[in-house]
PDB file of N, CA and C in Angstrom:
ATOM      1  N   MET A   1     -23.621  20.884 -23.734  1.00  0.00           N
ATOM      2  CA  MET A   1     -23.248  20.816 -22.339  1.00  0.00           C
ATOM      3  C   MET A   1     -23.079  19.369 -21.888  1.00  0.00           C
ATOM      4  N   ALA A   2     -23.966  18.507 -22.304  1.00  0.00           N
ATOM      5  CA  ALA A   2     -23.880  17.101 -21.914  1.00  0.00           C
ATOM      6  C   ALA A   2     -22.681  16.427 -22.573  1.00  0.00           C
ATOM      7  N   ALA A   3     -22.340  16.863 -23.791  1.00  0.00           N
ATOM      8  CA  ALA A   3     -21.196  16.270 -24.484  1.00  0.00           C
ATOM      9  C   ALA A   3     -19.897  16.591 -23.750  1.00  0.00           C
ATOM     10  N   VAL A   4     -19.803  17.772 -23.173  1.00  0.00           N
ATOM     11  CA  VAL A   4     -18.609  18.150 -22.423  1.00  0.00           C
ATOM     12  C   VAL A   4     -18.500  17.298 -21.161  1.00  0.00           C
ATOM     13  N   ASP A   5     -19.624  17.062 -20.473  1.00  0.00           N
ATOM     14  CA  ASP A   5     -19.610  16.235 -19.274  1.00  0.00           C
ATOM     15  C   ASP A   5     -19.180  14.803 -19.587  1.00  0.00           C
ATOM     16  N   ILE A   6     -19.654  14.265 -20.711  1.00  0.00           N
ATOM     17  CA  ILE A   6     -19.285  12.904 -21.099  1.00  0.00           C
ATOM     18  C   ILE A   6     -17.797  12.837 -21.424  1.00  0.00           C
ATOM     19  N   ALA A   7     -17.273  13.852 -22.108  1.00  0.00           N
ATOM     20  CA  ALA A   7     -15.849  13.874 -22.445  1.00  0.00           C
ATOM     21  C   ALA A   7     -14.997  13.953 -21.181  1.00  0.00           C
ATOM     22  N   GLU A   8     -15.416  14.755 -20.207  1.00  0.00           N
ATOM     23  CA  GLU A   8     -14.675  14.844 -18.953  1.00  0.00           C
ATOM     24  C   GLU A   8     -14.733  13.521 -18.198  1.00  0.00           C
ATOM     25  N   GLN A   9     -15.881  12.857 -18.218  1.00  0.00           N
ATOM     26  CA  GLN A   9     -16.026  11.565 -17.552  1.00  0.00           C
ATOM     27  C   GLN A   9     -15.120  10.521 -18.193  1.00  0.00           C
ATOM     28  N   GLN A  10     -15.045  10.510 -19.516  1.00  0.00           N
ATOM     29  CA  GLN A  10     -14.191   9.545 -20.199  1.00  0.00           C
ATOM     30  C   GLN A  10     -12.719   9.826 -19.911  1.00  0.00           C
ATOM     31  N   GLY A  11     -12.362  11.083 -19.793  1.00  0.00           N
ATOM     32  CA  GLY A  11     -10.979  11.429 -19.478  1.00  0.00           C
ATOM     33  C   GLY A  11     -10.570  10.944 -18.099  1.00  0.00           C
ATOM     34  N   THR A  12     -11.447  11.077 -17.122  1.00  0.00           N
ATOM     35  CA  THR A  12     -11.115  10.592 -15.782  1.00  0.00           C
ATOM     36  C   THR A  12     -11.086   9.073 -15.738  1.00  0.00           C
ATOM     37  N   ASP A  13     -11.935   8.407 -16.519  1.00  0.00           N
ATOM     38  CA  ASP A  13     -11.899   6.943 -16.576  1.00  0.00           C
ATOM     39  C   ASP A  13     -10.584   6.454 -17.163  1.00  0.00           C
ATOM     40  N   ILE A  14     -10.105   7.127 -18.203  1.00  0.00           N
ATOM     41  CA  ILE A  14      -8.841   6.730 -18.823  1.00  0.00           C
ATOM     42  C   ILE A  14      -7.690   6.928 -17.842  1.00  0.00           C
ATOM     43  N   LYS A  15      -7.694   8.018 -17.103  1.00  0.00           N
ATOM     44  CA  LYS A  15      -6.640   8.256 -16.118  1.00  0.00           C
ATOM     45  C   LYS A  15      -6.680   7.208 -15.008  1.00  0.00           C
ATOM     46  N   LYS A  16      -7.890   6.821 -14.593  1.00  0.00           N
ATOM     47  CA  LYS A  16      -8.016   5.816 -13.547  1.00  0.00           C
ATOM     48  C   LYS A  16      -7.481   4.467 -14.021  1.00  0.00           C
ATOM     49  N   TRP A  17      -7.857   4.071 -15.235  1.00  0.00           N
ATOM     50  CA  TRP A  17      -7.386   2.792 -15.769  1.00  0.00           C
ATOM     51  C   TRP A  17      -5.883   2.819 -16.028  1.00  0.00           C
ATOM     52  N   ALA A  18      -5.363   3.952 -16.465  1.00  0.00           N
ATOM     53  CA  ALA A  18      -3.922   4.058 -16.702  1.00  0.00           C
ATOM     54  C   ALA A  18      -3.157   3.899 -15.389  1.00  0.00           C
ATOM     55  N   GLY A  19      -3.676   4.471 -14.332  1.00  0.00           N
ATOM     56  CA  GLY A  19      -3.042   4.315 -13.028  1.00  0.00           C
ATOM     57  C   GLY A  19      -3.027   2.866 -12.565  1.00  0.00           C
ATOM     58  N   TRP A  20      -4.137   2.169 -12.767  1.00  0.00           N
ATOM     59  CA  TRP A  20      -4.201   0.752 -12.402  1.00  0.00           C
ATOM     60  C   TRP A  20      -3.214  -0.074 -13.220  1.00  0.00           C
ATOM     61  N   ILE A  21      -3.135   0.179 -14.504  1.00  0.00           N
ATOM     62  CA  ILE A  21      -2.238  -0.593 -15.373  1.00  0.00           C
ATOM     63  C   ILE A  21      -0.778  -0.350 -14.991  1.00  0.00           C
ATOM     64  N   VAL A  22      -0.423   0.896 -14.726  1.00  0.00           N
ATOM     65  CA  VAL A  22       0.952   1.207 -14.320  1.00  0.00           C
ATOM     66  C   VAL A  22       1.263   0.561 -12.969  1.00  0.00           C
ATOM     67  N   GLY A  23       0.320   0.624 -12.037  1.00  0.00           N
ATOM     68  CA  GLY A  23       0.535   0.020 -10.724  1.00  0.00           C
ATOM     69  C   GLY A  23       0.733  -1.483 -10.793  1.00  0.00           C
ATOM     70  N   ILE A  24      -0.085  -2.158 -11.581  1.00  0.00           N
ATOM     71  CA  ILE A  24       0.053  -3.610 -11.733  1.00  0.00           C
ATOM     72  C   ILE A  24       1.357  -3.942 -12.447  1.00  0.00           C
ATOM     73  N   GLY A  25       1.734  -3.129 -13.426  1.00  0.00           N
ATOM     74  CA  GLY A  25       2.996  -3.355 -14.124  1.00  0.00           C
ATOM     75  C   GLY A  25       4.190  -3.222 -13.200  1.00  0.00           C
ATOM     76  N   ILE A  26       4.171  -2.224 -12.329  1.00  0.00           N
ATOM     77  CA  ILE A  26       5.267  -2.047 -11.375  1.00  0.00           C
ATOM     78  C   ILE A  26       5.285  -3.191 -10.365  1.00  0.00           C
ATOM     79  N   TRP A  27       4.091  -3.684  -9.985  1.00  0.00           N
ATOM     80  CA  TRP A  27       4.001  -4.781  -9.018  1.00  0.00           C
ATOM     81  C   TRP A  27       4.648  -6.055  -9.562  1.00  0.00           C
ATOM     82  N   PHE A  28       4.439  -6.330 -10.860  1.00  0.00           N
ATOM     83  CA  PHE A  28       4.955  -7.563 -11.452  1.00  0.00           C
ATOM     84  C   PHE A  28       6.282  -7.378 -12.190  1.00  0.00           C
ATOM     85  N   LEU A  29       6.852  -6.189 -12.175  1.00  0.00           N
ATOM     86  CA  LEU A  29       8.116  -5.935 -12.855  1.00  0.00           C
ATOM     87  C   LEU A  29       9.273  -6.789 -12.334  1.00  0.00           C
ATOM     88  N   PRO A  30       9.397  -7.027 -11.027  1.00  0.00           N
ATOM     89  CA  PRO A  30      10.521  -7.861 -10.564  1.00  0.00           C
ATOM     90  C   PRO A  30      10.447  -9.313 -11.024  1.00  0.00           C
ATOM     91  N   LEU A  31       9.317  -9.769 -11.517  1.00  0.00           N
ATOM     92  CA  LEU A  31       9.210 -11.155 -11.978  1.00  0.00           C
ATOM     93  C   LEU A  31      10.118 -11.436 -13.164  1.00  0.00           C
ATOM     94  N   PHE A  32      10.528 -10.399 -13.888  1.00  0.00           N
ATOM     95  CA  PHE A  32      11.415 -10.608 -15.026  1.00  0.00           C
ATOM     96  C   PHE A  32      12.840 -10.915 -14.585  1.00  0.00           C
ATOM     97  N   GLY A  33      13.190 -10.598 -13.335  1.00  0.00           N
ATOM     98  CA  GLY A  33      14.547 -10.815 -12.871  1.00  0.00           C
ATOM     99  C   GLY A  33      14.705 -11.944 -11.869  1.00  0.00           C
ATOM    100  N   MET A  34      13.591 -12.533 -11.388  1.00  0.00           N
ATOM    101  CA  MET A  34      13.687 -13.609 -10.403  1.00  0.00           C
ATOM    102  C   MET A  34      12.569 -14.612 -10.637  1.00  0.00           C
ATOM    103  N   ASP A  35      12.695 -15.763 -10.011  1.00  0.00           N
ATOM    104  CA  ASP A  35      11.650 -16.765 -10.187  1.00  0.00           C
ATOM    105  C   ASP A  35      10.447 -16.440  -9.304  1.00  0.00           C
ATOM    106  N   PHE A  36       9.349 -17.097  -9.583  1.00  0.00           N
ATOM    107  CA  PHE A  36       8.075 -16.771  -8.943  1.00  0.00           C
ATOM    108  C   PHE A  36       8.090 -17.080  -7.448  1.00  0.00           C
ATOM    109  N   ASN A  37       8.717 -18.181  -7.044  1.00  0.00           N
ATOM    110  CA  ASN A  37       8.733 -18.548  -5.621  1.00  0.00           C
ATOM    111  C   ASN A  37       9.473 -17.513  -4.787  1.00  0.00           C
ATOM    112  N   THR A  38      10.605 -17.047  -5.271  1.00  0.00           N
ATOM    113  CA  THR A  38      11.353 -16.015  -4.555  1.00  0.00           C
ATOM    114  C   THR A  38      10.544 -14.731  -4.460  1.00  0.00           C
ATOM    115  N   TYR A  39       9.878 -14.374  -5.550  1.00  0.00           N
ATOM    116  CA  TYR A  39       9.051 -13.164  -5.566  1.00  0.00           C
ATOM    117  C   TYR A  39       7.935 -13.254  -4.532  1.00  0.00           C
ATOM    118  N   MET A  40       7.264 -14.407  -4.466  1.00  0.00           N
ATOM    119  CA  MET A  40       6.157 -14.554  -3.524  1.00  0.00           C
ATOM    120  C   MET A  40       6.656 -14.557  -2.082  1.00  0.00           C
ATOM    121  N   VAL A  41       7.783 -15.201  -1.818  1.00  0.00           N
ATOM    122  CA  VAL A  41       8.339 -15.217  -0.461  1.00  0.00           C
ATOM    123  C   VAL A  41       8.698 -13.801  -0.025  1.00  0.00           C
ATOM    124  N   LEU A  42       9.349 -13.045  -0.901  1.00  0.00           N
ATOM    125  CA  LEU A  42       9.724 -11.672  -0.553  1.00  0.00           C
ATOM    126  C   LEU A  42       8.503 -10.772  -0.404  1.00  0.00           C
ATOM    127  N   THR A  43       7.486 -10.980  -1.232  1.00  0.00           N
ATOM    128  CA  THR A  43       6.267 -10.180  -1.131  1.00  0.00           C
ATOM    129  C   THR A  43       5.550 -10.448   0.186  1.00  0.00           C
ATOM    130  N   ILE A  44       5.401 -11.716   0.544  1.00  0.00           N
ATOM    131  CA  ILE A  44       4.722 -12.062   1.795  1.00  0.00           C
ATOM    132  C   ILE A  44       5.541 -11.601   2.995  1.00  0.00           C
ATOM    133  N   ALA A  45       6.860 -11.727   2.926  1.00  0.00           N
ATOM    134  CA  ALA A  45       7.714 -11.255   4.022  1.00  0.00           C
ATOM    135  C   ALA A  45       7.611  -9.740   4.182  1.00  0.00           C
ATOM    136  N   GLY A  46       7.577  -9.021   3.074  1.00  0.00           N
ATOM    137  CA  GLY A  46       7.444  -7.568   3.146  1.00  0.00           C
ATOM    138  C   GLY A  46       6.105  -7.134   3.701  1.00  0.00           C
ATOM    139  N   LEU A  47       5.040  -7.814   3.283  1.00  0.00           N
ATOM    140  CA  LEU A  47       3.713  -7.485   3.807  1.00  0.00           C
ATOM    141  C   LEU A  47       3.610  -7.802   5.296  1.00  0.00           C
ATOM    142  N   SER A  48       4.172  -8.919   5.727  1.00  0.00           N
ATOM    143  CA  SER A  48       4.113  -9.259   7.151  1.00  0.00           C
ATOM    144  C   SER A  48       4.950  -8.286   7.982  1.00  0.00           C
ATOM    145  N   MET A  49       6.095  -7.846   7.466  1.00  0.00           N
ATOM    146  CA  MET A  49       6.896  -6.854   8.182  1.00  0.00           C
ATOM    147  C   MET A  49       6.148  -5.524   8.272  1.00  0.00           C
ATOM    148  N   GLY A  50       5.474  -5.155   7.199  1.00  0.00           N
ATOM    149  CA  GLY A  50       4.677  -3.934   7.225  1.00  0.00           C
ATOM    150  C   GLY A  50       3.538  -4.008   8.224  1.00  0.00           C
ATOM    151  N   MET A  51       2.890  -5.169   8.310  1.00  0.00           N
ATOM    152  CA  MET A  51       1.812  -5.331   9.287  1.00  0.00           C
ATOM    153  C   MET A  51       2.342  -5.263  10.713  1.00  0.00           C
ATOM    154  N   LEU A  52       3.518  -5.839  10.946  1.00  0.00           N
ATOM    155  CA  LEU A  52       4.119  -5.784  12.276  1.00  0.00           C
ATOM    156  C   LEU A  52       4.490  -4.350  12.653  1.00  0.00           C
ATOM    157  N   MET A  53       5.032  -3.600  11.706  1.00  0.00           N
ATOM    158  CA  MET A  53       5.368  -2.194  11.972  1.00  0.00           C
ATOM    159  C   MET A  53       4.112  -1.370  12.240  1.00  0.00           C
ATOM    160  N   PHE A  54       3.041  -1.648  11.495  1.00  0.00           N
ATOM    161  CA  PHE A  54       1.783  -0.942  11.727  1.00  0.00           C
ATOM    162  C   PHE A  54       1.234  -1.254  13.112  1.00  0.00           C
ATOM    163  N   LEU A  55       1.280  -2.512  13.515  1.00  0.00           N
ATOM    164  CA  LEU A  55       0.779  -2.898  14.828  1.00  0.00           C
ATOM    165  C   LEU A  55       1.578  -2.226  15.940  1.00  0.00           C
ATOM    166  N   THR A  56       2.887  -2.175  15.796  1.00  0.00           N
ATOM    167  CA  THR A  56       3.734  -1.514  16.787  1.00  0.00           C
ATOM    168  C   THR A  56       3.457  -0.017  16.839  1.00  0.00           C
ATOM    169  N   ALA A  57       3.366   0.615  15.677  1.00  0.00           N
ATOM    170  CA  ALA A  57       3.127   2.065  15.636  1.00  0.00           C
ATOM    171  C   ALA A  57       1.755   2.418  16.184  1.00  0.00           C
ATOM    172  N   SER A  58       0.748   1.607  15.878  1.00  0.00           N
ATOM    173  CA  SER A  58      -0.583   1.910  16.405  1.00  0.00           C
ATOM    174  C   SER A  58      -0.621   1.699  17.916  1.00  0.00           C
ATOM    175  N   GLY A  59       0.110   0.714  18.429  1.00  0.00           N
ATOM    176  CA  GLY A  59       0.186   0.537  19.880  1.00  0.00           C
ATOM    177  C   GLY A  59       0.873   1.706  20.558  1.00  0.00           C
ATOM    178  N   PHE A  60       1.983   2.159  19.980  1.00  0.00           N
ATOM    179  CA  PHE A  60       2.667   3.326  20.542  1.00  0.00           C
ATOM    180  C   PHE A  60       1.779   4.560  20.525  1.00  0.00           C
ATOM    181  N   SER A  61       1.068   4.780  19.424  1.00  0.00           N
ATOM    182  CA  SER A  61       0.217   5.971  19.349  1.00  0.00           C
ATOM    183  C   SER A  61      -0.958   5.864  20.313  1.00  0.00           C
ATOM    184  N   LEU A  62      -1.478   4.664  20.527  1.00  0.00           N
ATOM    185  CA  LEU A  62      -2.562   4.488  21.490  1.00  0.00           C
ATOM    186  C   LEU A  62      -2.073   4.763  22.904  1.00  0.00           C
ATOM    187  N   ILE A  63      -0.914   4.214  23.263  1.00  0.00           N
ATOM    188  CA  ILE A  63      -0.365   4.437  24.602  1.00  0.00           C
ATOM    189  C   ILE A  63      -0.033   5.912  24.800  1.00  0.00           C
ATOM    190  N   PHE A  64       0.608   6.533  23.812  1.00  0.00           N
ATOM    191  CA  PHE A  64       0.979   7.943  23.947  1.00  0.00           C
ATOM    192  C   PHE A  64      -0.258   8.833  23.983  1.00  0.00           C
ATOM    193  N   GLY A  65      -1.290   8.480  23.227  1.00  0.00           N
ATOM    194  CA  GLY A  65      -2.507   9.287  23.222  1.00  0.00           C
ATOM    195  C   GLY A  65      -3.264   9.209  24.529  1.00  0.00           C
ATOM    196  N   LEU A  66      -3.225   8.066  25.195  1.00  0.00           N
ATOM    197  CA  LEU A  66      -3.957   7.925  26.449  1.00  0.00           C
ATOM    198  C   LEU A  66      -3.174   8.434  27.651  1.00  0.00           C
ATOM    199  N   MET A  67      -1.866   8.201  27.672  1.00  0.00           N
ATOM    200  CA  MET A  67      -1.081   8.514  28.862  1.00  0.00           C
ATOM    201  C   MET A  67      -0.134   9.690  28.688  1.00  0.00           C
ATOM    202  N   ASP A  68       0.091  10.146  27.479  1.00  0.00           N
ATOM    203  CA  ASP A  68       1.052  11.209  27.170  1.00  0.00           C
ATOM    204  C   ASP A  68       2.481  10.844  27.571  1.00  0.00           C
ATOM    205  N   VAL A  69       2.764   9.554  27.679  1.00  0.00           N
ATOM    206  CA  VAL A  69       4.104   9.058  27.989  1.00  0.00           C
ATOM    207  C   VAL A  69       4.315   7.800  27.162  1.00  0.00           C
ATOM    208  N   LEU A  70       5.491   7.679  26.529  1.00  0.00           N
ATOM    209  CA  LEU A  70       5.811   6.429  25.849  1.00  0.00           C
ATOM    210  C   LEU A  70       6.396   5.468  26.874  1.00  0.00           C
ATOM    211  N   ASN A  71       5.592   4.528  27.310  1.00  0.00           N
ATOM    212  CA  ASN A  71       6.000   3.581  28.340  1.00  0.00           C
ATOM    213  C   ASN A  71       6.525   2.323  27.665  1.00  0.00           C
ATOM    214  N   LEU A  72       7.834   2.104  27.747  1.00  0.00           N
ATOM    215  CA  LEU A  72       8.439   0.911  27.171  1.00  0.00           C
ATOM    216  C   LEU A  72       8.882  -0.071  28.247  1.00  0.00           C
ATOM    217  N   ALA A  73       8.538   0.176  29.520  1.00  0.00           N
ATOM    218  CA  ALA A  73       9.035  -0.636  30.623  1.00  0.00           C
ATOM    219  C   ALA A  73       7.991  -1.617  31.146  1.00  0.00           C
ATOM    220  N   HIS A  74       6.897  -1.805  30.453  1.00  0.00           N
ATOM    221  CA  HIS A  74       5.904  -2.761  30.945  1.00  0.00           C
ATOM    222  C   HIS A  74       6.217  -4.154  30.414  1.00  0.00           C
ATOM    223  N   GLY A  75       5.732  -5.161  31.081  1.00  0.00           N
ATOM    224  CA  GLY A  75       5.907  -6.507  30.585  1.00  0.00           C
ATOM    225  C   GLY A  75       6.611  -7.325  31.560  1.00  0.00           C
TER     226      GLY A  75
END
């Protein structure tokens, strides 16, 4: 019984590590087609755009949740 539990645990560990390796590989895959500076500029620009979209969406959801109206006329 304990041997089966250990085998199942090792199987989930392998799947977890495989997911991490594939994710890191996909993250660094564009480096083969462009230089490092361009890659970093595009990565930081994409992350900052994503943060801006998140901030806007969370503000809209907060306003809509409190007032039940999307108010775009303030300011």
